[in-house]
Amino acid sequence: MKCWAGKQWEGKHQKGRMSYRVHRLDVNMEKDSEKLEIFLNGLRGEVIEIIPNIRKTSLGQIYGMTRKIDFLLIVERV
């Protein structure tokens, strides 16, 4: 079972199972590469996956010409 705690999902420990956290990191990919690096280096566990949320806002973006990443979901094994 998972519960929402601020900007992260926390899995409950179960006997014989691994525990995961899912963090949401709001980013501007043009400016926040250092913010992402600092966040990743500050995690205690192993990063399993990084999932970008891609937003389509303008007509050009809808037809696939350009896209913007709103936030990243980062799955951490603790």
PDB file of N, CA and C in Angstrom:
ATOM      1  N   MET A   1       0.848  -1.176   0.000  1.00  0.00           N
ATOM      2  CA  MET A   1       0.000   0.000   0.000  1.00  0.00           C
ATOM      3  C   MET A   1       0.889   1.234   0.000  1.00  0.00           C
ATOM      4  N   LYS A   2       0.487   2.262  -0.735  1.00  0.00           N
ATOM      5  CA  LYS A   2       1.278   3.483  -0.829  1.00  0.00           C
ATOM      6  C   LYS A   2       0.490   4.649  -0.266  1.00  0.00           C
ATOM      7  N   CYS A   3       1.213   5.583   0.347  1.00  0.00           N
ATOM      8  CA  CYS A   3       0.545   6.766   0.880  1.00  0.00           C
ATOM      9  C   CYS A   3       1.274   8.011   0.396  1.00  0.00           C
ATOM     10  N   TRP A   4       0.530   9.067   0.148  1.00  0.00           N
ATOM     11  CA  TRP A   4       1.095  10.321  -0.344  1.00  0.00           C
ATOM     12  C   TRP A   4       1.648  11.092   0.833  1.00  0.00           C
ATOM     13  N   ALA A   5       2.952  11.450   0.749  1.00  0.00           N
ATOM     14  CA  ALA A   5       3.588  12.208   1.828  1.00  0.00           C
ATOM     15  C   ALA A   5       4.339  13.372   1.197  1.00  0.00           C
ATOM     16  N   GLY A   6       3.692  14.517   1.114  1.00  0.00           N
ATOM     17  CA  GLY A   6       4.341  15.671   0.491  1.00  0.00           C
ATOM     18  C   GLY A   6       4.514  15.423  -0.990  1.00  0.00           C
ATOM     19  N   LYS A   7       5.759  15.420  -1.449  1.00  0.00           N
ATOM     20  CA  LYS A   7       6.025  15.197  -2.860  1.00  0.00           C
ATOM     21  C   LYS A   7       6.627  13.825  -3.103  1.00  0.00           C
ATOM     22  N   GLN A   8       6.315  12.857  -2.269  1.00  0.00           N
ATOM     23  CA  GLN A   8       6.839  11.514  -2.504  1.00  0.00           C
ATOM     24  C   GLN A   8       5.827  10.461  -2.085  1.00  0.00           C
ATOM     25  N   TRP A   9       5.865   9.342  -2.768  1.00  0.00           N
ATOM     26  CA  TRP A   9       5.062   8.179  -2.388  1.00  0.00           C
ATOM     27  C   TRP A   9       5.960   7.280  -1.583  1.00  0.00           C
ATOM     28  N   GLU A  10       5.454   6.738  -0.508  1.00  0.00           N
ATOM     29  CA  GLU A  10       6.256   5.868   0.336  1.00  0.00           C
ATOM     30  C   GLU A  10       5.583   4.523   0.440  1.00  0.00           C
ATOM     31  N   GLY A  11       6.311   3.467   0.067  1.00  0.00           N
ATOM     32  CA  GLY A  11       5.774   2.109   0.197  1.00  0.00           C
ATOM     33  C   GLY A  11       5.989   1.612   1.617  1.00  0.00           C
ATOM     34  N   LYS A  12       5.030   0.889   2.147  1.00  0.00           N
ATOM     35  CA  LYS A  12       5.153   0.330   3.490  1.00  0.00           C
ATOM     36  C   LYS A  12       6.019  -0.922   3.438  1.00  0.00           C
ATOM     37  N   HIS A  13       6.828  -1.147   4.487  1.00  0.00           N
ATOM     38  CA  HIS A  13       7.681  -2.328   4.557  1.00  0.00           C
ATOM     39  C   HIS A  13       6.821  -3.564   4.789  1.00  0.00           C
ATOM     40  N   GLN A  14       7.069  -4.577   4.001  1.00  0.00           N
ATOM     41  CA  GLN A  14       6.412  -5.857   4.193  1.00  0.00           C
ATOM     42  C   GLN A  14       7.509  -6.906   4.303  1.00  0.00           C
ATOM     43  N   LYS A  15       7.259  -7.929   5.043  1.00  0.00           N
ATOM     44  CA  LYS A  15       8.263  -8.956   5.275  1.00  0.00           C
ATOM     45  C   LYS A  15       8.713  -9.574   3.952  1.00  0.00           C
ATOM     46  N   GLY A  16      10.031  -9.530   3.691  1.00  0.00           N
ATOM     47  CA  GLY A  16      10.585 -10.130   2.493  1.00  0.00           C
ATOM     48  C   GLY A  16      10.429  -9.292   1.235  1.00  0.00           C
ATOM     49  N   ARG A  17       9.935  -8.070   1.335  1.00  0.00           N
ATOM     50  CA  ARG A  17       9.746  -7.221   0.158  1.00  0.00           C
ATOM     51  C   ARG A  17      10.608  -5.980   0.257  1.00  0.00           C
ATOM     52  N   MET A  18      10.942  -5.421  -0.906  1.00  0.00           N
ATOM     53  CA  MET A  18      11.724  -4.193  -0.943  1.00  0.00           C
ATOM     54  C   MET A  18      10.799  -2.998  -0.818  1.00  0.00           C
ATOM     55  N   SER A  19      11.362  -1.882  -0.366  1.00  0.00           N
ATOM     56  CA  SER A  19      10.593  -0.663  -0.194  1.00  0.00           C
ATOM     57  C   SER A  19      11.052   0.364  -1.227  1.00  0.00           C
ATOM     58  N   TYR A  20      10.089   1.083  -1.777  1.00  0.00           N
ATOM     59  CA  TYR A  20      10.383   2.079  -2.806  1.00  0.00           C
ATOM     60  C   TYR A  20       9.789   3.429  -2.418  1.00  0.00           C
ATOM     61  N   ARG A  21      10.393   4.477  -2.928  1.00  0.00           N
ATOM     62  CA  ARG A  21       9.826   5.828  -2.822  1.00  0.00           C
ATOM     63  C   ARG A  21       9.761   6.406  -4.223  1.00  0.00           C
ATOM     64  N   VAL A  22       8.687   7.125  -4.502  1.00  0.00           N
ATOM     65  CA  VAL A  22       8.541   7.813  -5.782  1.00  0.00           C
ATOM     66  C   VAL A  22       8.515   9.301  -5.487  1.00  0.00           C
ATOM     67  N   HIS A  23       9.530  10.019  -5.949  1.00  0.00           N
ATOM     68  CA  HIS A  23       9.656  11.455  -5.727  1.00  0.00           C
ATOM     69  C   HIS A  23       9.184  12.200  -6.970  1.00  0.00           C
ATOM     70  N   ARG A  24       8.566  13.329  -6.772  1.00  0.00           N
ATOM     71  CA  ARG A  24       8.190  14.214  -7.875  1.00  0.00           C
ATOM     72  C   ARG A  24       9.099  15.433  -7.807  1.00  0.00           C
ATOM     73  N   LEU A  25       9.804  15.713  -8.906  1.00  0.00           N
ATOM     74  CA  LEU A  25      10.727  16.836  -8.969  1.00  0.00           C
ATOM     75  C   LEU A  25      10.289  17.762 -10.097  1.00  0.00           C
ATOM     76  N   ASP A  26       9.812  18.966  -9.740  1.00  0.00           N
ATOM     77  CA  ASP A  26       9.420  19.952 -10.743  1.00  0.00           C
ATOM     78  C   ASP A  26      10.682  20.553 -11.342  1.00  0.00           C
ATOM     79  N   VAL A  27      10.793  20.513 -12.676  1.00  0.00           N
ATOM     80  CA  VAL A  27      12.019  20.976 -13.342  1.00  0.00           C
ATOM     81  C   VAL A  27      11.692  21.778 -14.584  1.00  0.00           C
ATOM     82  N   ASN A  28      12.626  22.646 -14.921  1.00  0.00           N
ATOM     83  CA  ASN A  28      12.677  23.316 -16.212  1.00  0.00           C
ATOM     84  C   ASN A  28      13.952  22.790 -16.858  1.00  0.00           C
ATOM     85  N   MET A  29      13.826  21.915 -17.849  1.00  0.00           N
ATOM     86  CA  MET A  29      14.974  21.173 -18.360  1.00  0.00           C
ATOM     87  C   MET A  29      16.059  22.079 -18.949  1.00  0.00           C
ATOM     88  N   GLU A  30      15.707  23.278 -19.374  1.00  0.00           N
ATOM     89  CA  GLU A  30      16.719  24.176 -19.918  1.00  0.00           C
ATOM     90  C   GLU A  30      17.614  24.755 -18.819  1.00  0.00           C
ATOM     91  N   LYS A  31      17.055  24.919 -17.599  1.00  0.00           N
ATOM     92  CA  LYS A  31      17.793  25.610 -16.538  1.00  0.00           C
ATOM     93  C   LYS A  31      18.136  24.747 -15.330  1.00  0.00           C
ATOM     94  N   ASP A  32      17.458  23.624 -15.127  1.00  0.00           N
ATOM     95  CA  ASP A  32      17.544  22.911 -13.856  1.00  0.00           C
ATOM     96  C   ASP A  32      18.359  21.619 -13.882  1.00  0.00           C
ATOM     97  N   SER A  33      19.328  21.503 -14.775  1.00  0.00           N
ATOM     98  CA  SER A  33      20.124  20.272 -14.796  1.00  0.00           C
ATOM     99  C   SER A  33      20.949  20.145 -13.514  1.00  0.00           C
ATOM    100  N   GLU A  34      21.409  21.265 -12.966  1.00  0.00           N
ATOM    101  CA  GLU A  34      22.171  21.223 -11.713  1.00  0.00           C
ATOM    102  C   GLU A  34      21.260  20.839 -10.542  1.00  0.00           C
ATOM    103  N   LYS A  35      20.026  21.325 -10.553  1.00  0.00           N
ATOM    104  CA  LYS A  35      19.052  20.968  -9.519  1.00  0.00           C
ATOM    105  C   LYS A  35      18.803  19.458  -9.525  1.00  0.00           C
ATOM    106  N   LEU A  36      18.672  18.860 -10.717  1.00  0.00           N
ATOM    107  CA  LEU A  36      18.475  17.418 -10.837  1.00  0.00           C
ATOM    108  C   LEU A  36      19.696  16.654 -10.328  1.00  0.00           C
ATOM    109  N   GLU A  37      20.882  17.116 -10.676  1.00  0.00           N
ATOM    110  CA  GLU A  37      22.112  16.455 -10.230  1.00  0.00           C
ATOM    111  C   GLU A  37      22.233  16.471  -8.707  1.00  0.00           C
ATOM    112  N   ILE A  38      21.945  17.605  -8.088  1.00  0.00           N
ATOM    113  CA  ILE A  38      22.024  17.726  -6.623  1.00  0.00           C
ATOM    114  C   ILE A  38      20.987  16.810  -5.969  1.00  0.00           C
ATOM    115  N   PHE A  39      19.771  16.777  -6.526  1.00  0.00           N
ATOM    116  CA  PHE A  39      18.723  15.921  -5.973  1.00  0.00           C
ATOM    117  C   PHE A  39      19.117  14.450  -6.052  1.00  0.00           C
ATOM    118  N   LEU A  40      19.609  14.009  -7.209  1.00  0.00           N
ATOM    119  CA  LEU A  40      19.978  12.599  -7.382  1.00  0.00           C
ATOM    120  C   LEU A  40      21.127  12.203  -6.474  1.00  0.00           C
ATOM    121  N   ASN A  41      22.113  13.076  -6.315  1.00  0.00           N
ATOM    122  CA  ASN A  41      23.252  12.765  -5.445  1.00  0.00           C
ATOM    123  C   ASN A  41      22.867  12.765  -3.968  1.00  0.00           C
ATOM    124  N   GLY A  42      21.758  13.404  -3.616  1.00  0.00           N
ATOM    125  CA  GLY A  42      21.308  13.454  -2.233  1.00  0.00           C
ATOM    126  C   GLY A  42      20.427  12.286  -1.805  1.00  0.00           C
ATOM    127  N   LEU A  43      20.048  11.434  -2.740  1.00  0.00           N
ATOM    128  CA  LEU A  43      19.198  10.299  -2.400  1.00  0.00           C
ATOM    129  C   LEU A  43      19.995   9.234  -1.659  1.00  0.00           C
ATOM    130  N   ARG A  44      19.342   8.576  -0.707  1.00  0.00           N
ATOM    131  CA  ARG A  44      20.007   7.531   0.083  1.00  0.00           C
ATOM    132  C   ARG A  44      20.030   6.201  -0.644  1.00  0.00           C
ATOM    133  N   GLY A  45      18.956   5.887  -1.358  1.00  0.00           N
ATOM    134  CA  GLY A  45      18.830   4.582  -1.995  1.00  0.00           C
ATOM    135  C   GLY A  45      19.306   4.586  -3.433  1.00  0.00           C
ATOM    136  N   GLU A  46      18.949   3.517  -4.133  1.00  0.00           N
ATOM    137  CA  GLU A  46      19.330   3.327  -5.529  1.00  0.00           C
ATOM    138  C   GLU A  46      18.216   3.852  -6.429  1.00  0.00           C
ATOM    139  N   VAL A  47      18.579   4.632  -7.452  1.00  0.00           N
ATOM    140  CA  VAL A  47      17.588   5.135  -8.406  1.00  0.00           C
ATOM    141  C   VAL A  47      17.255   4.006  -9.373  1.00  0.00           C
ATOM    142  N   ILE A  48      15.985   3.638  -9.421  1.00  0.00           N
ATOM    143  CA  ILE A  48      15.527   2.555 -10.282  1.00  0.00           C
ATOM    144  C   ILE A  48      15.112   3.080 -11.646  1.00  0.00           C
ATOM    145  N   GLU A  49      14.374   4.202 -11.653  1.00  0.00           N
ATOM    146  CA  GLU A  49      13.867   4.725 -12.911  1.00  0.00           C
ATOM    147  C   GLU A  49      13.550   6.209 -12.776  1.00  0.00           C
ATOM    148  N   ILE A  50      13.698   6.937 -13.886  1.00  0.00           N
ATOM    149  CA  ILE A  50      13.303   8.342 -13.968  1.00  0.00           C
ATOM    150  C   ILE A  50      12.277   8.445 -15.088  1.00  0.00           C
ATOM    151  N   ILE A  51      11.077   8.929 -14.738  1.00  0.00           N
ATOM    152  CA  ILE A  51       9.970   8.993 -15.691  1.00  0.00           C
ATOM    153  C   ILE A  51       9.599  10.456 -15.912  1.00  0.00           C
ATOM    154  N   PRO A  52       9.784  10.975 -17.132  1.00  0.00           N
ATOM    155  CA  PRO A  52       9.403  12.367 -17.398  1.00  0.00           C
ATOM    156  C   PRO A  52       7.909  12.491 -17.690  1.00  0.00           C
ATOM    157  N   ASN A  53       7.299  13.578 -17.234  1.00  0.00           N
ATOM    158  CA  ASN A  53       5.923  13.912 -17.605  1.00  0.00           C
ATOM    159  C   ASN A  53       6.020  14.962 -18.704  1.00  0.00           C
ATOM    160  N   ILE A  54       5.611  14.595 -19.906  1.00  0.00           N
ATOM    161  CA  ILE A  54       5.744  15.487 -21.059  1.00  0.00           C
ATOM    162  C   ILE A  54       4.416  16.187 -21.291  1.00  0.00           C
ATOM    163  N   ARG A  55       4.469  17.522 -21.331  1.00  0.00           N
ATOM    164  CA  ARG A  55       3.255  18.332 -21.498  1.00  0.00           C
ATOM    165  C   ARG A  55       3.227  18.894 -22.914  1.00  0.00           C
ATOM    166  N   LYS A  56       2.086  18.803 -23.541  1.00  0.00           N
ATOM    167  CA  LYS A  56       1.884  19.409 -24.856  1.00  0.00           C
ATOM    168  C   LYS A  56       0.966  20.605 -24.662  1.00  0.00           C
ATOM    169  N   THR A  57       1.440  21.801 -25.002  1.00  0.00           N
ATOM    170  CA  THR A  57       0.616  22.972 -24.730  1.00  0.00           C
ATOM    171  C   THR A  57       0.259  23.778 -25.963  1.00  0.00           C
ATOM    172  N   SER A  58       1.145  23.895 -26.918  1.00  0.00           N
ATOM    173  CA  SER A  58       0.821  24.706 -28.094  1.00  0.00           C
ATOM    174  C   SER A  58       0.503  23.805 -29.276  1.00  0.00           C
ATOM    175  N   LEU A  59       0.033  24.390 -30.350  1.00  0.00           N
ATOM    176  CA  LEU A  59      -0.333  23.621 -31.529  1.00  0.00           C
ATOM    177  C   LEU A  59       0.881  22.877 -32.083  1.00  0.00           C
ATOM    178  N   GLY A  60       2.044  23.516 -32.111  1.00  0.00           N
ATOM    179  CA  GLY A  60       3.256  22.853 -32.574  1.00  0.00           C
ATOM    180  C   GLY A  60       3.644  21.687 -31.691  1.00  0.00           C
ATOM    181  N   GLN A  61       3.442  21.828 -30.396  1.00  0.00           N
ATOM    182  CA  GLN A  61       3.769  20.754 -29.468  1.00  0.00           C
ATOM    183  C   GLN A  61       2.797  19.597 -29.618  1.00  0.00           C
ATOM    184  N   ILE A  62       1.545  19.887 -29.914  1.00  0.00           N
ATOM    185  CA  ILE A  62       0.557  18.829 -30.086  1.00  0.00           C
ATOM    186  C   ILE A  62       0.924  17.953 -31.279  1.00  0.00           C
ATOM    187  N   TYR A  63       1.456  18.553 -32.348  1.00  0.00           N
ATOM    188  CA  TYR A  63       1.834  17.783 -33.527  1.00  0.00           C
ATOM    189  C   TYR A  63       3.246  17.215 -33.428  1.00  0.00           C
ATOM    190  N   GLY A  64       3.863  17.288 -32.260  1.00  0.00           N
ATOM    191  CA  GLY A  64       5.131  16.618 -32.035  1.00  0.00           C
ATOM    192  C   GLY A  64       6.366  17.399 -32.429  1.00  0.00           C
ATOM    193  N   MET A  65       6.232  18.678 -32.735  1.00  0.00           N
ATOM    194  CA  MET A  65       7.404  19.448 -33.140  1.00  0.00           C
ATOM    195  C   MET A  65       8.309  19.727 -31.939  1.00  0.00           C
ATOM    196  N   THR A  66       7.743  20.108 -30.832  1.00  0.00           N
ATOM    197  CA  THR A  66       8.507  20.330 -29.601  1.00  0.00           C
ATOM    198  C   THR A  66       7.671  19.873 -28.419  1.00  0.00           C
ATOM    199  N   ARG A  67       8.358  19.552 -27.332  1.00  0.00           N
ATOM    200  CA  ARG A  67       7.659  19.126 -26.110  1.00  0.00           C
ATOM    201  C   ARG A  67       8.345  19.766 -24.913  1.00  0.00           C
ATOM    202  N   LYS A  68       7.610  19.852 -23.809  1.00  0.00           N
ATOM    203  CA  LYS A  68       8.146  20.421 -22.579  1.00  0.00           C
ATOM    204  C   LYS A  68       7.938  19.432 -21.439  1.00  0.00           C
ATOM    205  N   ILE A  69       8.985  19.236 -20.640  1.00  0.00           N
ATOM    206  CA  ILE A  69       8.890  18.343 -19.486  1.00  0.00           C
ATOM    207  C   ILE A  69       8.510  19.173 -18.270  1.00  0.00           C
ATOM    208  N   ASP A  70       7.358  18.853 -17.653  1.00  0.00           N
ATOM    209  CA  ASP A  70       6.861  19.542 -16.461  1.00  0.00           C
ATOM    210  C   ASP A  70       7.610  19.104 -15.213  1.00  0.00           C
ATOM    211  N   PHE A  71       7.617  17.804 -15.016  1.00  0.00           N
ATOM    212  CA  PHE A  71       8.235  17.254 -13.810  1.00  0.00           C
ATOM    213  C   PHE A  71       8.740  15.850 -14.101  1.00  0.00           C
ATOM    214  N   LEU A  72       9.565  15.358 -13.178  1.00  0.00           N
ATOM    215  CA  LEU A  72      10.102  14.018 -13.270  1.00  0.00           C
ATOM    216  C   LEU A  72       9.598  13.206 -12.085  1.00  0.00           C
ATOM    217  N   LEU A  73       9.262  11.954 -12.319  1.00  0.00           N
ATOM    218  CA  LEU A  73       8.998  11.012 -11.245  1.00  0.00           C
ATOM    219  C   LEU A  73      10.257  10.155 -11.115  1.00  0.00           C
ATOM    220  N   ILE A  74      10.828  10.111  -9.929  1.00  0.00           N
ATOM    221  CA  ILE A  74      12.063   9.387  -9.697  1.00  0.00           C
ATOM    222  C   ILE A  74      11.778   8.261  -8.711  1.00  0.00           C
ATOM    223  N   VAL A  75      11.976   7.016  -9.146  1.00  0.00           N
ATOM    224  CA  VAL A  75      11.716   5.841  -8.316  1.00  0.00           C
ATOM    225  C   VAL A  75      13.018   5.447  -7.629  1.00  0.00           C
ATOM    226  N   GLU A  76      12.967   5.405  -6.295  1.00  0.00           N
ATOM    227  CA  GLU A  76      14.147   5.095  -5.477  1.00  0.00           C
ATOM    228  C   GLU A  76      13.886   3.843  -4.663  1.00  0.00           C
ATOM    229  N   ARG A  77      14.831   2.901  -4.679  1.00  0.00           N
ATOM    230  CA  ARG A  77      14.743   1.722  -3.819  1.00  0.00           C
ATOM    231  C   ARG A  77      15.488   2.030  -2.525  1.00  0.00           C
ATOM    232  N   VAL A  78      14.797   1.932  -1.381  1.00  0.00           N
ATOM    233  CA  VAL A  78      15.422   2.254  -0.090  1.00  0.00           C
ATOM    234  C   VAL A  78      15.632   1.009   0.740  1.00  0.00           C
TER     235      VAL A  78
END
